[in-house]
Amino acid sequence: RDKKIKDSCVKLYSMPNKCSWKNLGLIDDIKALAYSSNYYQFINAIRVTGNDYKYNMKLDVTEDDFEKYRSVFKSYGLGSDTGIEISGYKGITGSKISGDLLLNLSIGQYDTYTPIMLNNYISTIANSGTRYNMSFGAYFINNKGNRESIDKLVLDRVKISNDDMLRIQKGLNGVVTYGTASNYLNKINGAGKTGTSETYVNGHKTLTKSFVAYLP
């Protein structure tokens, strides 16, 4: 948590270097979120497998290593049903397993998620780990023509301590106050997360930039 590490690159055996979008210097968990450090997440992913990072290491992984990540992601709404009033598309879950792909998964660059899932994820953090069903509005018109409130249904609760959730919220506040989205909200007090997806379509490289936030 409070320990600082120097942002760098990870080099696995027979794979190219995997780095953050720029050298971010000394970072802790909060600044890793605020500045979107890939390296910080890579090191954690390697530790999830029971290993410590060594240059050019062979990283053997199992389906269980991937499931550890996916089960946590689903509790936030990524890759799971959001409860919204349309048929649920749950994105694409990768089927291959390798050390390099586990690192990709840890930064959201392997499985795919929909914009509604991203909204469910950020609202779960806004609600301190309680995940509610998504809805297009706060009310609906019943068959008598009267307006009724839409019930909030608890879909999940993230297994996390209050202290750790507060650090996530502080990191996401850092995103919009001094981090990767510091000019997005014009200094309005809020929290958010940026993301960039790199893919290839018909041989052409594509870049998809995403941003989700909650206020205040």
Protein backbone atom coordinates (compact mmCIF):
# COMPACT_ATOMS: atom_id res chain seq x y z
CA ARG A 1 0.00 0.00 0.00
CA ASP A 2 2.19 2.80 1.27
CA LYS A 3 5.39 1.30 -0.15
CA LYS A 4 6.78 3.21 -3.12
CA ILE A 5 8.35 1.51 -6.11
CA LYS A 6 10.07 2.93 -9.15
CA ASP A 7 7.93 2.71 -12.26
CA SER A 8 9.74 0.70 -14.92
CA CYS A 9 9.20 -2.12 -17.44
CA VAL A 10 8.58 -5.85 -17.11
CA LYS A 11 10.49 -8.27 -19.35
CA LEU A 12 9.25 -11.85 -19.56
CA TYR A 13 11.12 -14.63 -21.35
CA SER A 14 10.79 -14.41 -25.17
CA MET A 15 8.50 -11.36 -24.86
CA PRO A 16 9.18 -7.65 -25.49
CA ASN A 17 9.30 -5.13 -22.64
CA LYS A 18 5.92 -4.17 -21.18
CA CYS A 19 5.92 -0.64 -19.72
CA SER A 20 3.72 2.17 -18.51
CA TRP A 21 2.78 4.88 -20.99
CA LYS A 22 5.73 6.90 -19.66
CA ASN A 23 8.26 6.68 -16.84
CA LEU A 24 6.28 7.75 -13.77
CA GLY A 25 9.13 7.75 -11.22
CA LEU A 26 8.42 6.71 -7.63
CA ILE A 27 4.79 5.65 -7.13
CA ASP A 28 2.62 4.06 -4.46
CA ASP A 29 -0.80 2.44 -4.94
CA ILE A 30 -2.64 5.77 -5.03
CA LYS A 31 -0.34 7.38 -7.59
CA ALA A 32 -0.36 4.15 -9.62
CA LEU A 33 -4.11 4.66 -10.07
CA ALA A 34 -3.88 8.41 -10.59
CA TYR A 35 -1.22 8.13 -13.29
CA SER A 36 -2.34 4.75 -14.69
CA SER A 37 0.84 2.75 -14.08
CA ASN A 38 0.92 -0.50 -16.03
CA TYR A 39 4.12 -1.53 -14.28
CA TYR A 40 2.53 -1.40 -10.83
CA GLN A 41 -0.27 -3.72 -12.00
CA PHE A 42 2.17 -6.08 -13.74
CA ILE A 43 4.20 -6.52 -10.55
CA ASN A 44 1.02 -7.26 -8.58
CA ALA A 45 -0.15 -9.76 -11.20
CA ILE A 46 3.14 -11.64 -10.96
CA ARG A 47 2.76 -11.74 -7.17
CA VAL A 48 -0.75 -13.15 -7.56
CA THR A 49 0.87 -16.20 -9.17
CA GLY A 50 3.13 -16.62 -6.10
CA ASN A 51 6.25 -15.30 -7.83
CA ASP A 52 8.49 -12.26 -7.48
CA TYR A 53 9.51 -10.45 -10.64
CA LYS A 54 12.93 -11.23 -12.12
CA TYR A 55 14.18 -9.88 -15.42
CA ASN A 56 13.51 -12.27 -18.36
CA MET A 57 11.70 -14.72 -16.08
CA LYS A 58 9.48 -17.53 -17.31
CA LEU A 59 6.05 -16.89 -15.81
CA ASP A 60 4.00 -20.07 -15.56
CA VAL A 61 0.33 -19.38 -14.92
CA THR A 62 -2.85 -21.39 -14.39
CA GLU A 63 -6.55 -20.91 -15.07
CA ASP A 64 -6.90 -20.21 -11.35
CA ASP A 65 -4.62 -17.16 -11.67
CA PHE A 66 -6.93 -15.76 -14.35
CA GLU A 67 -10.03 -16.63 -12.31
CA LYS A 68 -8.70 -14.70 -9.30
CA TYR A 69 -8.71 -11.56 -11.42
CA ARG A 70 -11.98 -12.25 -13.20
CA SER A 71 -13.90 -12.99 -10.01
CA VAL A 72 -12.80 -9.66 -8.51
CA PHE A 73 -13.54 -7.78 -11.75
CA LYS A 74 -17.04 -9.33 -11.89
CA SER A 75 -17.81 -8.20 -8.34
CA TYR A 76 -17.29 -4.62 -9.61
CA GLY A 77 -19.46 -5.26 -12.70
CA LEU A 78 -16.80 -6.02 -15.32
CA GLY A 79 -17.78 -9.15 -17.23
CA SER A 80 -21.03 -9.71 -15.33
CA ASP A 81 -24.74 -8.92 -15.69
CA THR A 82 -25.43 -5.26 -14.89
CA GLY A 83 -29.18 -5.70 -14.29
CA ILE A 84 -30.13 -3.04 -16.85
CA GLU A 85 -33.41 -3.27 -18.77
CA ILE A 86 -31.89 -4.61 -21.98
CA SER A 87 -30.50 -8.00 -22.93
CA GLY A 88 -27.10 -8.39 -21.34
CA TYR A 89 -24.00 -8.67 -23.51
CA LYS A 90 -21.13 -9.73 -21.26
CA GLY A 91 -18.20 -8.82 -23.49
CA ILE A 92 -15.55 -11.28 -24.63
CA THR A 93 -13.56 -13.50 -22.25
CA GLY A 94 -10.20 -14.63 -23.58
CA SER A 95 -9.67 -18.38 -23.82
CA LYS A 96 -5.87 -18.58 -24.03
CA ILE A 97 -3.61 -18.70 -20.99
CA SER A 98 -0.06 -17.36 -20.71
CA GLY A 99 2.00 -15.18 -18.40
CA ASP A 100 1.97 -12.33 -20.88
CA LEU A 101 -1.82 -12.49 -21.25
CA LEU A 102 -2.28 -12.45 -17.47
CA LEU A 103 -0.37 -9.17 -17.36
CA ASN A 104 -2.61 -7.85 -20.14
CA LEU A 105 -5.70 -8.93 -18.19
CA SER A 106 -4.49 -7.05 -15.10
CA ILE A 107 -4.64 -3.73 -16.99
CA GLY A 108 -7.84 -4.45 -18.94
CA GLN A 109 -6.12 -5.32 -22.23
CA TYR A 110 -7.33 -8.92 -22.69
CA ASP A 111 -11.01 -9.47 -21.83
CA THR A 112 -13.42 -6.84 -23.19
CA TYR A 113 -16.11 -4.88 -21.35
CA THR A 114 -19.05 -2.76 -22.50
CA PRO A 115 -19.59 0.93 -21.67
CA ILE A 116 -22.47 -0.09 -19.37
CA MET A 117 -20.11 -2.40 -17.48
CA LEU A 118 -17.64 0.46 -17.08
CA ASN A 119 -20.43 2.57 -15.62
CA ASN A 120 -21.38 -0.26 -13.26
CA TYR A 121 -17.75 -0.56 -12.16
CA ILE A 122 -17.27 3.14 -11.41
CA SER A 123 -20.62 3.39 -9.61
CA THR A 124 -19.68 0.38 -7.46
CA ILE A 125 -16.61 2.30 -6.33
CA ALA A 126 -18.72 5.42 -5.77
CA ASN A 127 -20.96 3.29 -3.52
CA SER A 128 -17.93 2.01 -1.56
CA GLY A 129 -18.11 -1.54 -2.91
CA THR A 130 -21.86 -2.13 -3.12
CA ARG A 131 -22.90 -2.96 -6.70
CA TYR A 132 -26.46 -2.05 -7.64
CA ASN A 133 -28.40 -2.88 -10.78
CA MET A 134 -28.05 -0.32 -13.57
CA SER A 135 -31.05 1.60 -14.86
CA PHE A 136 -31.84 4.14 -17.60
CA GLY A 137 -33.68 6.36 -15.11
CA ALA A 138 -34.82 6.74 -11.53
CA TYR A 139 -38.52 6.24 -12.40
CA PHE A 140 -40.81 4.32 -14.73
CA ILE A 141 -44.47 4.78 -15.70
CA ASN A 142 -46.65 1.91 -14.52
CA ASN A 143 -49.70 0.49 -16.36
CA LYS A 144 -51.95 3.05 -14.62
CA GLY A 145 -49.89 5.94 -15.95
CA ASN A 146 -48.37 6.75 -12.56
CA ARG A 147 -44.68 7.31 -11.90
CA GLU A 148 -42.94 4.77 -9.68
CA SER A 149 -39.38 4.65 -8.38
CA ILE A 150 -37.12 1.95 -9.79
CA ASP A 151 -35.98 -0.36 -7.03
CA LYS A 152 -32.28 -0.49 -6.32
CA LEU A 153 -31.24 -4.12 -6.25
CA VAL A 154 -27.95 -5.11 -4.67
CA LEU A 155 -26.18 -7.36 -7.17
CA ASP A 156 -22.92 -7.85 -5.29
CA ARG A 157 -20.66 -6.53 -2.56
CA VAL A 158 -16.93 -6.29 -3.18
CA LYS A 159 -14.87 -8.18 -0.60
CA ILE A 160 -12.57 -5.34 0.44
CA SER A 161 -11.76 -3.47 3.63
CA ASN A 162 -12.98 0.09 4.15
CA ASP A 163 -9.38 1.33 4.29
CA ASP A 164 -8.51 -0.28 0.96
CA MET A 165 -11.67 1.07 -0.70
CA LEU A 166 -10.83 4.56 0.56
CA ARG A 167 -7.40 4.27 -1.05
CA ILE A 168 -8.99 3.29 -4.37
CA GLN A 169 -11.33 6.28 -4.12
CA LYS A 170 -8.40 8.54 -3.27
CA GLY A 171 -6.48 7.23 -6.28
CA LEU A 172 -9.42 7.84 -8.59
CA ASN A 173 -9.83 11.33 -7.17
CA GLY A 174 -6.16 11.80 -8.06
CA VAL A 175 -6.94 10.82 -11.67
CA VAL A 176 -9.09 13.94 -12.15
CA THR A 177 -7.19 16.35 -9.87
CA TYR A 178 -3.57 15.78 -10.91
CA GLY A 179 -3.40 12.55 -12.93
CA THR A 180 -4.29 11.34 -16.42
CA ALA A 181 -7.62 13.24 -16.52
CA SER A 182 -6.59 16.38 -14.65
CA ASN A 183 -8.14 18.65 -17.32
CA TYR A 184 -11.37 16.68 -17.87
CA LEU A 185 -13.67 18.03 -15.17
CA ASN A 186 -12.46 21.63 -14.87
CA LYS A 187 -11.46 21.16 -11.23
CA ILE A 188 -14.91 19.87 -10.17
CA ASN A 189 -14.38 17.57 -7.21
CA GLY A 190 -14.94 14.04 -8.45
CA ALA A 191 -13.22 10.76 -9.25
CA GLY A 192 -12.67 8.80 -12.43
CA LYS A 193 -10.51 6.48 -14.49
CA THR A 194 -9.04 6.72 -17.97
CA GLY A 195 -8.21 3.78 -20.19
CA THR A 196 -6.73 3.18 -23.63
CA SER A 197 -7.40 0.02 -25.62
CA GLU A 198 -5.01 -0.92 -28.44
CA THR A 199 -6.34 -3.35 -31.04
CA TYR A 200 -5.94 -4.29 -34.70
CA VAL A 201 -8.86 -4.31 -37.14
CA ASN A 202 -8.21 -5.65 -40.64
CA GLY A 203 -4.49 -5.09 -40.10
CA HIS A 204 -4.89 -1.49 -38.98
CA LYS A 205 -3.98 -0.39 -35.47
CA THR A 206 -6.87 1.22 -33.56
CA LEU A 207 -6.90 3.22 -30.33
CA THR A 208 -9.98 3.48 -28.13
CA LYS A 209 -9.86 5.97 -25.27
CA SER A 210 -12.35 5.64 -22.41
CA PHE A 211 -13.21 7.71 -19.36
CA VAL A 212 -15.70 7.03 -16.56
CA ALA A 213 -16.34 9.23 -13.53
CA TYR A 214 -18.63 10.03 -10.63
CA LEU A 215 -19.43 13.36 -8.95
CA PRO A 216 -18.98 14.87 -6.44
